[in-house]
Amino acid sequence: MSVRKMLLGISQKQINSLKIMKFSKLFIYILLLSGLTACFDETMLESNPAFVLSINQAEASEYTCYAGELFYVIKKGDGEFVTLYSGSSGKVWGDSVAAVGELFTKDSLPVTYSTEGIYNLTVVASSTGKFGADFDQKVKTVKVTVL
């Protein structure tokens, strides 16, 4: 028996028991860690850019409104990120990197056009899955004629 065992008053049986307990805890931690990582498989939301306008509750490819008239884009679809591009200056989808959209944080967003013209109002729905490895993006555009 070693000096350390004698000073501590621990028998070989107790030492073996402590070794088994340490190994058991390590084994449990490894199982728990591997089990948790296997559970994290991020699923992707289906991207759906569906919407209607408050001036016409039916889905259509063209709308008409008057300059200065306030209407709402009502989100009917879903996605991780759903963004509205009104089609006015600086807010045209795909026009440039500097184009600015408005993220849907509520079920609807207000839109007003101050000048007559034809605008392409666009809603972009995007989703990611598997922690960014998968990406889905769908776009819906309607023509708005402002009188």
C-alpha atoms as a PDB file:
ATOM      1  CA  MET A   1       0.000   0.000   0.000  1.00  0.00           C
ATOM      2  CA  SER A   2       1.383   3.385  -0.930  1.00  0.00           C
ATOM      3  CA  VAL A   3       2.064   6.181   1.552  1.00  0.00           C
ATOM      4  CA  ARG A   4      -0.696   8.306   0.025  1.00  0.00           C
ATOM      5  CA  LYS A   5      -3.268   5.552   0.474  1.00  0.00           C
ATOM      6  CA  MET A   6      -2.163   5.006   4.041  1.00  0.00           C
ATOM      7  CA  LEU A   7      -2.276   8.714   4.909  1.00  0.00           C
ATOM      8  CA  LEU A   8      -5.718   9.149   3.353  1.00  0.00           C
ATOM      9  CA  GLY A   9      -6.988   5.889   4.760  1.00  0.00           C
ATOM     10  CA  ILE A  10      -8.413   4.810   1.411  1.00  0.00           C
ATOM     11  CA  SER A  11      -8.527   1.173   0.413  1.00  0.00           C
ATOM     12  CA  GLN A  12      -7.880  -0.131  -3.119  1.00  0.00           C
ATOM     13  CA  LYS A  13     -11.560  -1.002  -3.391  1.00  0.00           C
ATOM     14  CA  GLN A  14     -12.528   2.625  -2.673  1.00  0.00           C
ATOM     15  CA  ILE A  15      -9.988   3.903  -5.236  1.00  0.00           C
ATOM     16  CA  ASN A  16     -11.403   1.566  -7.891  1.00  0.00           C
ATOM     17  CA  SER A  17     -14.902   2.736  -7.019  1.00  0.00           C
ATOM     18  CA  LEU A  18     -13.846   6.402  -7.479  1.00  0.00           C
ATOM     19  CA  LYS A  19     -12.291   5.580 -10.857  1.00  0.00           C
ATOM     20  CA  ILE A  20     -15.518   3.909 -11.993  1.00  0.00           C
ATOM     21  CA  MET A  21     -17.564   6.928 -10.830  1.00  0.00           C
ATOM     22  CA  LYS A  22     -15.295   9.323 -12.769  1.00  0.00           C
ATOM     23  CA  PHE A  23     -15.544   7.144 -15.870  1.00  0.00           C
ATOM     24  CA  SER A  24     -19.345   6.921 -15.487  1.00  0.00           C
ATOM     25  CA  LYS A  25     -19.674  10.719 -15.254  1.00  0.00           C
ATOM     26  CA  LEU A  26     -17.465  11.187 -18.302  1.00  0.00           C
ATOM     27  CA  PHE A  27     -19.495   8.621 -20.220  1.00  0.00           C
ATOM     28  CA  ILE A  28     -22.761  10.353 -19.260  1.00  0.00           C
ATOM     29  CA  TYR A  29     -21.406  13.758 -20.366  1.00  0.00           C
ATOM     30  CA  ILE A  30     -20.317  12.332 -23.715  1.00  0.00           C
ATOM     31  CA  LEU A  31     -23.713  10.711 -24.261  1.00  0.00           C
ATOM     32  CA  LEU A  32     -25.538  13.895 -23.293  1.00  0.00           C
ATOM     33  CA  LEU A  33     -23.395  16.058 -25.565  1.00  0.00           C
ATOM     34  CA  SER A  34     -23.760  13.741 -28.556  1.00  0.00           C
ATOM     35  CA  GLY A  35     -27.498  13.439 -27.948  1.00  0.00           C
ATOM     36  CA  LEU A  36     -27.986  17.199 -27.825  1.00  0.00           C
ATOM     37  CA  THR A  37     -25.985  17.877 -30.963  1.00  0.00           C
ATOM     38  CA  ALA A  38     -27.952  15.225 -32.847  1.00  0.00           C
ATOM     39  CA  CYS A  39     -31.215  16.982 -31.891  1.00  0.00           C
ATOM     40  CA  PHE A  40     -30.197  20.308 -33.446  1.00  0.00           C
ATOM     41  CA  ASP A  41     -31.163  19.971 -37.088  1.00  0.00           C
ATOM     42  CA  GLU A  42     -32.596  23.350 -38.029  1.00  0.00           C
ATOM     43  CA  THR A  43     -35.605  23.011 -40.286  1.00  0.00           C
ATOM     44  CA  MET A  44     -36.345  25.646 -42.881  1.00  0.00           C
ATOM     45  CA  LEU A  45     -39.594  27.596 -43.028  1.00  0.00           C
ATOM     46  CA  GLU A  46     -41.326  27.477 -46.400  1.00  0.00           C
ATOM     47  CA  SER A  47     -40.799  30.813 -48.168  1.00  0.00           C
ATOM     48  CA  ASN A  48     -44.104  32.200 -49.418  1.00  0.00           C
ATOM     49  CA  PRO A  49     -44.310  35.871 -50.498  1.00  0.00           C
ATOM     50  CA  ALA A  50     -48.121  35.944 -50.783  1.00  0.00           C
ATOM     51  CA  PHE A  51     -49.822  39.257 -49.976  1.00  0.00           C
ATOM     52  CA  VAL A  52     -52.896  41.344 -50.741  1.00  0.00           C
ATOM     53  CA  LEU A  53     -53.446  45.091 -50.711  1.00  0.00           C
ATOM     54  CA  SER A  54     -56.056  46.715 -48.481  1.00  0.00           C
ATOM     55  CA  ILE A  55     -57.483  48.538 -51.537  1.00  0.00           C
ATOM     56  CA  ASN A  56     -58.329  45.171 -53.120  1.00  0.00           C
ATOM     57  CA  GLN A  57     -58.495  42.121 -50.848  1.00  0.00           C
ATOM     58  CA  ALA A  58     -58.209  39.648 -53.741  1.00  0.00           C
ATOM     59  CA  GLU A  59     -54.797  38.657 -55.068  1.00  0.00           C
ATOM     60  CA  ALA A  60     -54.131  40.217 -58.457  1.00  0.00           C
ATOM     61  CA  SER A  61     -51.167  41.051 -60.667  1.00  0.00           C
ATOM     62  CA  GLU A  62     -52.143  44.738 -61.063  1.00  0.00           C
ATOM     63  CA  TYR A  63     -53.623  47.392 -58.781  1.00  0.00           C
ATOM     64  CA  THR A  64     -54.691  51.005 -59.279  1.00  0.00           C
ATOM     65  CA  CYS A  65     -54.697  53.769 -56.666  1.00  0.00           C
ATOM     66  CA  TYR A  66     -54.469  57.566 -56.412  1.00  0.00           C
ATOM     67  CA  ALA A  67     -51.395  59.635 -55.544  1.00  0.00           C
ATOM     68  CA  GLY A  68     -51.339  60.327 -51.809  1.00  0.00           C
ATOM     69  CA  GLU A  69     -53.719  57.439 -51.058  1.00  0.00           C
ATOM     70  CA  LEU A  70     -52.627  55.313 -48.107  1.00  0.00           C
ATOM     71  CA  PHE A  71     -53.070  51.566 -48.420  1.00  0.00           C
ATOM     72  CA  TYR A  72     -51.622  48.565 -46.631  1.00  0.00           C
ATOM     73  CA  VAL A  73     -49.734  45.542 -47.904  1.00  0.00           C
ATOM     74  CA  ILE A  74     -51.164  42.649 -45.904  1.00  0.00           C
ATOM     75  CA  LYS A  75     -48.820  39.683 -45.546  1.00  0.00           C
ATOM     76  CA  LYS A  76     -50.483  36.340 -46.256  1.00  0.00           C
ATOM     77  CA  GLY A  77     -47.359  34.239 -46.759  1.00  0.00           C
ATOM     78  CA  ASP A  78     -44.501  33.350 -44.481  1.00  0.00           C
ATOM     79  CA  GLY A  79     -40.748  33.078 -44.310  1.00  0.00           C
ATOM     80  CA  GLU A  80     -37.913  33.715 -41.914  1.00  0.00           C
ATOM     81  CA  PHE A  81     -37.475  37.165 -43.459  1.00  0.00           C
ATOM     82  CA  VAL A  82     -40.284  38.856 -45.413  1.00  0.00           C
ATOM     83  CA  THR A  83     -39.396  42.228 -46.945  1.00  0.00           C
ATOM     84  CA  LEU A  84     -41.440  44.821 -48.848  1.00  0.00           C
ATOM     85  CA  TYR A  85     -39.979  46.890 -51.691  1.00  0.00           C
ATOM     86  CA  SER A  86     -42.495  49.588 -52.663  1.00  0.00           C
ATOM     87  CA  GLY A  87     -40.934  50.265 -56.061  1.00  0.00           C
ATOM     88  CA  SER A  88     -40.396  53.962 -55.405  1.00  0.00           C
ATOM     89  CA  SER A  89     -36.955  55.542 -55.794  1.00  0.00           C
ATOM     90  CA  GLY A  90     -34.301  53.608 -53.851  1.00  0.00           C
ATOM     91  CA  LYS A  91     -36.810  50.868 -52.969  1.00  0.00           C
ATOM     92  CA  VAL A  92     -36.796  48.775 -56.132  1.00  0.00           C
ATOM     93  CA  TRP A  93     -36.099  45.068 -55.646  1.00  0.00           C
ATOM     94  CA  GLY A  94     -33.063  43.958 -57.641  1.00  0.00           C
ATOM     95  CA  ASP A  95     -32.286  47.489 -58.859  1.00  0.00           C
ATOM     96  CA  SER A  96     -29.063  47.860 -56.892  1.00  0.00           C
ATOM     97  CA  VAL A  97     -27.290  46.755 -53.766  1.00  0.00           C
ATOM     98  CA  ALA A  98     -28.395  50.021 -52.167  1.00  0.00           C
ATOM     99  CA  ALA A  99     -32.115  49.248 -52.616  1.00  0.00           C
ATOM    100  CA  VAL A 100     -33.827  49.429 -49.243  1.00  0.00           C
ATOM    101  CA  GLY A 101     -36.772  47.261 -48.297  1.00  0.00           C
ATOM    102  CA  GLU A 102     -38.917  47.281 -45.210  1.00  0.00           C
ATOM    103  CA  LEU A 103     -38.969  44.130 -43.096  1.00  0.00           C
ATOM    104  CA  PHE A 104     -42.421  42.910 -42.056  1.00  0.00           C
ATOM    105  CA  THR A 105     -42.488  43.069 -38.267  1.00  0.00           C
ATOM    106  CA  LYS A 106     -46.312  43.117 -38.232  1.00  0.00           C
ATOM    107  CA  ASP A 107     -48.987  41.599 -40.438  1.00  0.00           C
ATOM    108  CA  SER A 108     -49.177  44.686 -42.669  1.00  0.00           C
ATOM    109  CA  LEU A 109     -47.136  47.682 -43.805  1.00  0.00           C
ATOM    110  CA  PRO A 110     -48.400  51.074 -45.032  1.00  0.00           C
ATOM    111  CA  VAL A 111     -47.586  52.341 -48.527  1.00  0.00           C
ATOM    112  CA  THR A 112     -48.224  55.750 -50.096  1.00  0.00           C
ATOM    113  CA  TYR A 113     -47.071  56.946 -53.505  1.00  0.00           C
ATOM    114  CA  SER A 114     -46.786  60.722 -53.795  1.00  0.00           C
ATOM    115  CA  THR A 115     -46.476  60.959 -57.583  1.00  0.00           C
ATOM    116  CA  GLU A 116     -48.288  59.401 -60.521  1.00  0.00           C
ATOM    117  CA  GLY A 117     -46.622  56.553 -62.318  1.00  0.00           C
ATOM    118  CA  ILE A 118     -46.252  52.812 -62.505  1.00  0.00           C
ATOM    119  CA  TYR A 119     -44.499  51.051 -59.628  1.00  0.00           C
ATOM    120  CA  ASN A 120     -43.438  47.426 -59.136  1.00  0.00           C
ATOM    121  CA  LEU A 121     -44.390  46.574 -55.574  1.00  0.00           C
ATOM    122  CA  THR A 122     -42.419  43.487 -54.519  1.00  0.00           C
ATOM    123  CA  VAL A 123     -42.483  41.184 -51.505  1.00  0.00           C
ATOM    124  CA  VAL A 124     -39.462  38.926 -50.970  1.00  0.00           C
ATOM    125  CA  ALA A 125     -39.709  35.923 -48.629  1.00  0.00           C
ATOM    126  CA  SER A 126     -36.433  34.276 -47.592  1.00  0.00           C
ATOM    127  CA  SER A 127     -35.603  31.396 -45.277  1.00  0.00           C
ATOM    128  CA  THR A 128     -32.489  29.529 -44.217  1.00  0.00           C
ATOM    129  CA  GLY A 129     -32.038  26.021 -42.894  1.00  0.00           C
ATOM    130  CA  LYS A 130     -29.291  23.792 -41.556  1.00  0.00           C
ATOM    131  CA  PHE A 131     -27.648  26.834 -39.983  1.00  0.00           C
ATOM    132  CA  GLY A 132     -27.249  28.707 -43.276  1.00  0.00           C
ATOM    133  CA  ALA A 133     -26.317  25.763 -45.496  1.00  0.00           C
ATOM    134  CA  ASP A 134     -29.757  25.857 -47.194  1.00  0.00           C
ATOM    135  CA  PHE A 135     -31.326  29.049 -48.571  1.00  0.00           C
ATOM    136  CA  ASP A 136     -34.749  29.559 -50.142  1.00  0.00           C
ATOM    137  CA  GLN A 137     -36.040  32.820 -51.589  1.00  0.00           C
ATOM    138  CA  LYS A 138     -39.264  33.540 -53.432  1.00  0.00           C
ATOM    139  CA  VAL A 139     -40.436  36.832 -54.918  1.00  0.00           C
ATOM    140  CA  LYS A 140     -43.892  38.183 -55.795  1.00  0.00           C
ATOM    141  CA  THR A 141     -44.283  41.444 -57.732  1.00  0.00           C
ATOM    142  CA  VAL A 142     -47.421  43.331 -58.715  1.00  0.00           C
ATOM    143  CA  LYS A 143     -47.755  46.408 -60.880  1.00  0.00           C
ATOM    144  CA  VAL A 144     -49.302  49.406 -59.094  1.00  0.00           C
ATOM    145  CA  THR A 145     -50.597  52.207 -61.328  1.00  0.00           C
ATOM    146  CA  VAL A 146     -50.838  55.495 -59.457  1.00  0.00           C
ATOM    147  CA  LEU A 147     -53.231  58.093 -60.911  1.00  0.00           C
END
